[in-house]
Protein backbone atom coordinates (compact mmCIF):
# COMPACT_ATOMS: atom_id res chain seq x y z
CA MET A 1 83.44 73.42 57.92
CA ILE A 2 81.06 75.10 60.37
CA ILE A 3 84.12 76.50 62.17
CA PHE A 4 85.29 78.21 58.96
CA HIS A 5 81.78 79.52 58.36
CA ILE A 6 81.70 81.00 61.86
CA LEU A 7 85.24 82.39 61.52
CA SER A 8 84.16 84.04 58.27
CA LEU A 9 81.23 85.58 60.11
CA CYS A 10 83.59 86.88 62.80
CA PHE A 11 85.82 88.41 60.11
CA VAL A 12 82.82 90.08 58.48
CA ALA A 13 81.48 91.29 61.83
CA TRP A 14 84.84 92.89 62.67
CA THR A 15 84.98 94.51 59.23
CA ILE A 16 81.44 95.81 59.68
CA PHE A 17 82.35 97.24 63.07
CA LEU A 18 85.40 99.06 61.68
CA SER A 19 83.61 100.37 58.60
CA GLU A 20 80.55 101.48 60.57
CA ARG A 21 82.79 103.31 63.03
CA GLU A 22 84.22 105.26 60.09
CA ALA A 23 80.77 105.90 58.64
CA LEU A 24 79.44 107.11 61.97
CA ALA A 25 82.34 109.56 62.32
CA TRP A 26 81.49 110.89 58.85
CA LEU A 27 77.76 111.10 59.60
CA ARG A 28 78.39 112.95 62.86
CA GLY A 29 80.78 115.39 61.19
CA LYS A 30 83.84 114.22 63.11
CA LYS A 31 85.44 113.45 59.75
CA GLU A 32 84.83 115.77 56.82
CA THR A 33 85.50 113.01 54.29
CA LEU A 34 86.67 109.43 54.52
CA ASN A 35 89.90 108.05 53.13
CA LYS A 36 89.23 106.42 49.76
CA GLU A 37 91.83 103.69 50.27
CA THR A 38 90.39 102.80 53.68
CA LEU A 39 86.89 102.61 52.21
CA GLN A 40 88.10 100.34 49.43
CA LYS A 41 89.98 98.16 51.91
CA TYR A 42 86.84 97.64 54.00
CA HIS A 43 84.72 97.06 50.90
CA HIS A 44 87.15 94.44 49.58
CA ARG A 45 87.27 92.76 53.00
CA MET A 46 83.49 92.72 53.11
CA TRP A 47 83.35 91.10 49.67
CA ALA A 48 86.01 88.55 50.68
CA GLY A 49 84.15 87.70 53.87
CA LEU A 50 80.79 87.46 52.14
CA LEU A 51 82.19 85.23 49.38
CA LEU A 52 83.97 83.06 51.95
CA MET A 53 80.73 82.71 53.88
CA ILE A 54 78.93 81.72 50.67
CA ALA A 55 81.65 79.18 49.79
CA THR A 56 81.62 77.59 53.24
CA GLY A 57 77.82 77.76 53.24
CA LEU A 58 77.72 75.82 49.98
CA VAL A 59 79.88 73.08 51.48
CA LEU A 60 77.56 72.94 54.50
CA PHE A 61 74.50 72.99 52.24
CA TRP A 62 75.56 70.18 49.93
CA PRO A 63 74.83 67.16 52.17
CA ASP A 64 71.31 68.49 52.90
CA ARG A 65 70.61 69.94 49.46
CA ASP A 66 67.43 67.87 49.12
CA ILE A 67 65.93 69.13 52.37
CA LEU A 68 67.15 72.69 53.00
CA PRO A 69 65.48 74.48 50.05
CA SER A 70 62.06 73.52 51.40
CA ILE A 71 62.73 75.00 54.86
CA PRO A 72 61.39 78.57 55.26
CA ALA A 73 64.29 79.65 57.50
CA PHE A 74 66.74 78.60 54.76
CA GLN A 75 64.72 80.40 52.10
CA LEU A 76 64.72 83.54 54.23
CA LYS A 77 68.45 83.29 54.86
CA MET A 78 69.11 82.95 51.13
CA PHE A 79 66.92 85.98 50.48
CA PHE A 80 69.02 87.99 52.94
CA VAL A 81 72.25 86.74 51.34
CA PHE A 82 70.96 87.69 47.89
CA CYS A 83 70.07 91.17 49.16
CA LEU A 84 73.55 91.50 50.68
CA LEU A 85 75.12 90.66 47.33
CA VAL A 86 73.01 93.22 45.48
CA ASN A 87 73.56 95.82 48.18
CA ALA A 88 77.34 95.27 48.05
CA PHE A 89 77.27 96.51 44.44
CA VAL A 90 75.15 99.49 45.46
CA LEU A 91 77.49 100.34 48.33
CA GLY A 92 80.42 100.13 45.94
CA LYS A 93 78.77 102.81 43.79
CA LEU A 94 77.86 105.02 46.77
CA MET A 95 81.19 104.75 48.59
CA PRO A 96 83.02 107.47 46.65
CA ILE A 97 80.56 110.06 47.96
CA ALA A 98 81.98 109.77 51.49
CA ALA A 99 85.51 110.19 50.15
CA ALA A 100 84.65 113.32 48.18
CA ARG A 101 82.10 115.25 50.25
CA SER A 102 81.07 115.85 53.80
CA TYR A 103 77.81 114.33 54.98
CA LYS A 104 76.35 117.69 55.94
CA SER A 105 77.02 119.06 52.44
CA LEU A 106 74.74 116.43 50.91
CA SER A 107 71.14 117.20 50.10
CA ARG A 108 68.36 115.12 51.58
CA LYS A 109 67.96 113.41 48.20
CA GLU A 110 71.68 112.52 48.16
CA LYS A 111 71.61 111.20 51.74
CA MET A 112 68.63 108.91 51.21
CA PRO A 113 70.37 106.18 49.14
CA LEU A 114 73.21 106.07 51.66
CA MET A 115 70.81 105.63 54.57
CA VAL A 116 68.65 103.07 52.77
CA SER A 117 71.65 101.03 51.67
CA GLY A 118 73.15 101.12 55.15
CA GLY A 119 69.84 100.09 56.67
CA ILE A 120 69.41 97.25 54.20
CA SER A 121 72.91 96.03 54.95
CA LEU A 122 72.32 96.00 58.70
CA LEU A 123 68.91 94.36 58.38
CA CYS A 124 70.17 91.66 56.03
CA TRP A 125 73.27 90.77 58.07
CA LEU A 126 71.15 90.50 61.20
CA GLY A 127 68.41 88.64 59.34
CA ALA A 128 70.82 86.09 57.87
CA PHE A 129 72.42 85.61 61.29
CA VAL A 130 69.12 85.11 63.11
CA SER A 131 67.58 82.86 60.44
CA ALA A 132 70.66 80.62 60.66
CA PHE A 133 69.72 79.75 64.23
CA PHE A 134 66.45 78.27 63.00
CA LEU A 135 68.47 75.88 60.86
CA LEU A 136 70.49 74.40 63.72
């Protein structure tokens, strides 16, 4: 099952790379707006990858369910996963902005949630990845 968990991570990492490449082009003004269908495709892939990682993680968790919840690295990883789930809903609400308007047309107040959500996403994916190594 660990192989499927790692393959899910690879799928998510590739999806993150592709979506961040699009976002960076938008932020830098190389793309005025982003294609709504492409954004939705990446968002759905991200959800699929995250849910697959959670499902495979549950299978890996089950044999050690009595021990893992007491381990701080596991608690931290679960916190990051929870934040990723919440942030996925937030990103879903913010996504249409990039399809409708250019980044430079946004006010500072409109840019802030996009930057915070993107930062949270990056921090939580990295945090979950790193904390997993303390569980090996």
